[in-house]
């Protein structure tokens, strides 16, 4: 899509929040790219005031990086990310059942993990179909960046 340019920065952030709210209401997951921690936190604050649930992925959350990005494709998920976050982890439409199971069980093997994995595979497959019907992952860049 073409770039959209705003006369005032406040108007840009309000328009981004409006687009996020509309898209998320349709069940479509959204990945918002920001160019800095400050931008991601500014947008996060605006979304919090609107009561919009989201995950922020920037250098301050590096220990949860893979977990956050692995679930960015879930139905209605909203992830705000700086350009260097989430390296090495795929976004799966509908979610990543392995990450969900290992988070729930706090392990990545064994009979309890296998049961949880099977449960989350079924859940993620259904969500995958719903996310595809909603239009897939909506990627929104907040501004141009050299990368």
C-alpha atoms as a PDB file:
ATOM      1  CA  UNK A   1       0.000   0.000   0.000  1.00  0.00           C
ATOM      2  CA  UNK A   2       1.087   3.570  -0.478  1.00  0.00           C
ATOM      3  CA  UNK A   3       2.614   5.579   2.355  1.00  0.00           C
ATOM      4  CA  UNK A   4       0.268   7.792   4.323  1.00  0.00           C
ATOM      5  CA  UNK A   5       1.724  11.074   5.528  1.00  0.00           C
ATOM      6  CA  UNK A   6       0.311  13.196   8.331  1.00  0.00           C
ATOM      7  CA  UNK A   7       0.833  16.872   8.998  1.00  0.00           C
ATOM      8  CA  UNK A   8       1.081  16.289  12.750  1.00  0.00           C
ATOM      9  CA  UNK A   9       2.701  13.325  14.510  1.00  0.00           C
ATOM     10  CA  UNK A  10      -0.194  13.077  16.995  1.00  0.00           C
ATOM     11  CA  UNK A  11      -2.601  12.523  14.093  1.00  0.00           C
ATOM     12  CA  UNK A  12      -0.380   9.720  12.768  1.00  0.00           C
ATOM     13  CA  UNK A  13      -0.393   7.836  16.068  1.00  0.00           C
ATOM     14  CA  UNK A  14      -4.153   8.263  16.468  1.00  0.00           C
ATOM     15  CA  UNK A  15      -4.707   6.934  12.918  1.00  0.00           C
ATOM     16  CA  UNK A  16      -2.448   3.948  13.643  1.00  0.00           C
ATOM     17  CA  UNK A  17      -4.402   3.192  16.818  1.00  0.00           C
ATOM     18  CA  UNK A  18      -7.684   3.441  14.861  1.00  0.00           C
ATOM     19  CA  UNK A  19      -6.424   1.042  12.172  1.00  0.00           C
ATOM     20  CA  UNK A  20      -5.241  -1.375  14.848  1.00  0.00           C
ATOM     21  CA  UNK A  21      -8.617  -1.310  16.617  1.00  0.00           C
ATOM     22  CA  UNK A  22     -10.532  -1.913  13.380  1.00  0.00           C
ATOM     23  CA  UNK A  23      -8.244  -4.710  12.203  1.00  0.00           C
ATOM     24  CA  UNK A  24      -8.097  -6.453  15.572  1.00  0.00           C
ATOM     25  CA  UNK A  25     -11.899  -6.385  15.879  1.00  0.00           C
ATOM     26  CA  UNK A  26     -12.019  -8.563  12.742  1.00  0.00           C
ATOM     27  CA  UNK A  27      -9.805 -11.180  14.420  1.00  0.00           C
ATOM     28  CA  UNK A  28      -6.858 -10.455  12.151  1.00  0.00           C
ATOM     29  CA  UNK A  29      -3.456 -10.587  13.881  1.00  0.00           C
ATOM     30  CA  UNK A  30      -1.353  -7.444  13.549  1.00  0.00           C
ATOM     31  CA  UNK A  31       2.387  -6.922  13.582  1.00  0.00           C
ATOM     32  CA  UNK A  32       3.293  -3.254  14.000  1.00  0.00           C
ATOM     33  CA  UNK A  33       6.846  -2.262  13.152  1.00  0.00           C
ATOM     34  CA  UNK A  34       8.372   0.672  14.990  1.00  0.00           C
ATOM     35  CA  UNK A  35      11.836   2.147  14.582  1.00  0.00           C
ATOM     36  CA  UNK A  36      12.671   2.673  18.255  1.00  0.00           C
ATOM     37  CA  UNK A  37      11.878   1.652  21.814  1.00  0.00           C
ATOM     38  CA  UNK A  38      10.438   5.132  22.367  1.00  0.00           C
ATOM     39  CA  UNK A  39       8.004   4.756  19.458  1.00  0.00           C
ATOM     40  CA  UNK A  40       6.878   1.304  20.591  1.00  0.00           C
ATOM     41  CA  UNK A  41       6.306   2.563  24.136  1.00  0.00           C
ATOM     42  CA  UNK A  42       4.452   5.664  22.934  1.00  0.00           C
ATOM     43  CA  UNK A  43       2.091   3.512  20.860  1.00  0.00           C
ATOM     44  CA  UNK A  44       1.769   1.003  23.701  1.00  0.00           C
ATOM     45  CA  UNK A  45       0.668   3.770  26.067  1.00  0.00           C
ATOM     46  CA  UNK A  46      -1.931   4.974  23.571  1.00  0.00           C
ATOM     47  CA  UNK A  47      -3.284   1.438  23.132  1.00  0.00           C
ATOM     48  CA  UNK A  48      -3.392   0.839  26.894  1.00  0.00           C
ATOM     49  CA  UNK A  49      -5.504   3.972  27.336  1.00  0.00           C
ATOM     50  CA  UNK A  50      -7.926   2.527  24.764  1.00  0.00           C
ATOM     51  CA  UNK A  51      -7.974  -0.840  26.522  1.00  0.00           C
ATOM     52  CA  UNK A  52      -6.413  -2.659  23.548  1.00  0.00           C
ATOM     53  CA  UNK A  53      -4.470  -5.747  24.626  1.00  0.00           C
ATOM     54  CA  UNK A  54      -1.052  -6.144  23.008  1.00  0.00           C
ATOM     55  CA  UNK A  55       2.535  -7.364  23.364  1.00  0.00           C
ATOM     56  CA  UNK A  56       5.549  -5.083  23.088  1.00  0.00           C
ATOM     57  CA  UNK A  57       8.685  -6.598  21.664  1.00  0.00           C
ATOM     58  CA  UNK A  58      11.751  -4.411  21.875  1.00  0.00           C
ATOM     59  CA  UNK A  59      15.191  -4.585  23.455  1.00  0.00           C
ATOM     60  CA  UNK A  60      13.604  -4.412  26.926  1.00  0.00           C
ATOM     61  CA  UNK A  61      11.798  -7.758  26.373  1.00  0.00           C
ATOM     62  CA  UNK A  62      14.628  -9.680  24.737  1.00  0.00           C
ATOM     63  CA  UNK A  63      14.283 -12.647  27.121  1.00  0.00           C
ATOM     64  CA  UNK A  64      10.689 -13.248  25.912  1.00  0.00           C
ATOM     65  CA  UNK A  65      11.459 -12.436  22.280  1.00  0.00           C
ATOM     66  CA  UNK A  66      10.905 -15.880  20.749  1.00  0.00           C
ATOM     67  CA  UNK A  67       7.776 -16.544  22.834  1.00  0.00           C
ATOM     68  CA  UNK A  68       6.148 -13.242  21.837  1.00  0.00           C
ATOM     69  CA  UNK A  69       6.930 -13.498  18.122  1.00  0.00           C
ATOM     70  CA  UNK A  70       5.914 -17.185  18.013  1.00  0.00           C
ATOM     71  CA  UNK A  71       2.367 -16.198  19.012  1.00  0.00           C
ATOM     72  CA  UNK A  72       2.115 -13.030  16.876  1.00  0.00           C
ATOM     73  CA  UNK A  73       0.003 -14.929  14.314  1.00  0.00           C
ATOM     74  CA  UNK A  74      -2.756 -15.924  16.739  1.00  0.00           C
ATOM     75  CA  UNK A  75      -6.287 -14.727  16.109  1.00  0.00           C
ATOM     76  CA  UNK A  76      -6.588 -11.076  17.187  1.00  0.00           C
ATOM     77  CA  UNK A  77      -2.972 -10.899  18.413  1.00  0.00           C
ATOM     78  CA  UNK A  78      -1.311  -7.503  18.395  1.00  0.00           C
ATOM     79  CA  UNK A  79       2.474  -7.285  18.541  1.00  0.00           C
ATOM     80  CA  UNK A  80       4.444  -4.042  18.551  1.00  0.00           C
ATOM     81  CA  UNK A  81       8.001  -4.714  17.493  1.00  0.00           C
ATOM     82  CA  UNK A  82      11.179  -2.780  16.842  1.00  0.00           C
ATOM     83  CA  UNK A  83      13.050  -3.776  13.703  1.00  0.00           C
ATOM     84  CA  UNK A  84      15.629  -5.915  15.517  1.00  0.00           C
ATOM     85  CA  UNK A  85      13.222  -8.027  17.535  1.00  0.00           C
ATOM     86  CA  UNK A  86      12.096 -11.582  16.899  1.00  0.00           C
ATOM     87  CA  UNK A  87      15.046 -12.817  14.885  1.00  0.00           C
ATOM     88  CA  UNK A  88      15.058 -16.532  14.163  1.00  0.00           C
ATOM     89  CA  UNK A  89      11.443 -17.269  15.083  1.00  0.00           C
ATOM     90  CA  UNK A  90       8.705 -17.858  12.519  1.00  0.00           C
ATOM     91  CA  UNK A  91       5.266 -16.317  12.844  1.00  0.00           C
ATOM     92  CA  UNK A  92       2.740 -19.091  12.275  1.00  0.00           C
ATOM     93  CA  UNK A  93      -0.814 -18.069  11.448  1.00  0.00           C
ATOM     94  CA  UNK A  94      -2.956 -19.441  14.254  1.00  0.00           C
ATOM     95  CA  UNK A  95      -0.063 -19.686  16.709  1.00  0.00           C
ATOM     96  CA  UNK A  96       2.814 -21.996  17.516  1.00  0.00           C
ATOM     97  CA  UNK A  97       1.591 -25.113  19.374  1.00  0.00           C
ATOM     98  CA  UNK A  98       5.082 -26.145  20.519  1.00  0.00           C
ATOM     99  CA  UNK A  99       5.649 -22.818  22.283  1.00  0.00           C
ATOM    100  CA  UNK A 100       2.175 -22.916  23.830  1.00  0.00           C
ATOM    101  CA  UNK A 101       2.665 -26.452  25.147  1.00  0.00           C
ATOM    102  CA  UNK A 102       6.138 -25.827  26.534  1.00  0.00           C
ATOM    103  CA  UNK A 103       4.946 -22.610  28.203  1.00  0.00           C
ATOM    104  CA  UNK A 104       1.988 -24.379  29.822  1.00  0.00           C
ATOM    105  CA  UNK A 105       3.937 -27.436  30.979  1.00  0.00           C
ATOM    106  CA  UNK A 106       7.281 -25.692  31.587  1.00  0.00           C
ATOM    107  CA  UNK A 107       8.976 -28.521  29.700  1.00  0.00           C
ATOM    108  CA  UNK A 108       9.553 -29.515  26.092  1.00  0.00           C
ATOM    109  CA  UNK A 109       9.146 -33.275  26.366  1.00  0.00           C
ATOM    110  CA  UNK A 110       7.344 -36.004  28.257  1.00  0.00           C
ATOM    111  CA  UNK A 111       3.784 -37.391  28.325  1.00  0.00           C
ATOM    112  CA  UNK A 112       2.263 -34.258  29.848  1.00  0.00           C
ATOM    113  CA  UNK A 113       3.919 -32.115  27.158  1.00  0.00           C
ATOM    114  CA  UNK A 114       2.702 -34.513  24.429  1.00  0.00           C
ATOM    115  CA  UNK A 115      -0.913 -34.194  25.663  1.00  0.00           C
ATOM    116  CA  UNK A 116      -0.657 -30.390  25.786  1.00  0.00           C
ATOM    117  CA  UNK A 117       0.949 -30.296  22.339  1.00  0.00           C
ATOM    118  CA  UNK A 118      -1.868 -32.347  20.814  1.00  0.00           C
ATOM    119  CA  UNK A 119      -4.449 -30.028  22.420  1.00  0.00           C
ATOM    120  CA  UNK A 120      -2.689 -26.885  21.150  1.00  0.00           C
ATOM    121  CA  UNK A 121      -2.182 -28.349  17.663  1.00  0.00           C
ATOM    122  CA  UNK A 122      -5.943 -28.727  17.305  1.00  0.00           C
ATOM    123  CA  UNK A 123      -6.542 -25.215  18.680  1.00  0.00           C
ATOM    124  CA  UNK A 124      -3.881 -23.635  16.443  1.00  0.00           C
ATOM    125  CA  UNK A 125      -5.179 -25.429  13.328  1.00  0.00           C
ATOM    126  CA  UNK A 126      -8.648 -23.965  13.896  1.00  0.00           C
ATOM    127  CA  UNK A 127      -7.205 -20.517  14.561  1.00  0.00           C
ATOM    128  CA  UNK A 128      -5.102 -20.841  11.405  1.00  0.00           C
ATOM    129  CA  UNK A 129      -8.252 -21.265   9.316  1.00  0.00           C
ATOM    130  CA  UNK A 130      -9.895 -18.280  11.050  1.00  0.00           C
ATOM    131  CA  UNK A 131      -6.841 -16.047  10.595  1.00  0.00           C
ATOM    132  CA  UNK A 132      -6.589 -16.931   6.901  1.00  0.00           C
ATOM    133  CA  UNK A 133     -10.298 -16.101   6.468  1.00  0.00           C
ATOM    134  CA  UNK A 134      -9.699 -12.758   8.240  1.00  0.00           C
ATOM    135  CA  UNK A 135      -6.920 -11.873   5.784  1.00  0.00           C
ATOM    136  CA  UNK A 136      -3.735 -13.271   7.367  1.00  0.00           C
ATOM    137  CA  UNK A 137      -1.159 -11.271   9.256  1.00  0.00           C
ATOM    138  CA  UNK A 138      -1.662  -7.506   8.911  1.00  0.00           C
ATOM    139  CA  UNK A 139       1.746  -5.808   8.893  1.00  0.00           C
ATOM    140  CA  UNK A 140       1.775  -2.100   9.678  1.00  0.00           C
ATOM    141  CA  UNK A 141       4.936   0.003   9.545  1.00  0.00           C
ATOM    142  CA  UNK A 142       4.790   3.205  11.563  1.00  0.00           C
ATOM    143  CA  UNK A 143       7.506   4.935   9.542  1.00  0.00           C
ATOM    144  CA  UNK A 144      10.261   4.296   7.041  1.00  0.00           C
ATOM    145  CA  UNK A 145      13.525   2.913   8.334  1.00  0.00           C
ATOM    146  CA  UNK A 146      16.873   2.211   6.681  1.00  0.00           C
ATOM    147  CA  UNK A 147      16.448  -1.528   7.255  1.00  0.00           C
END
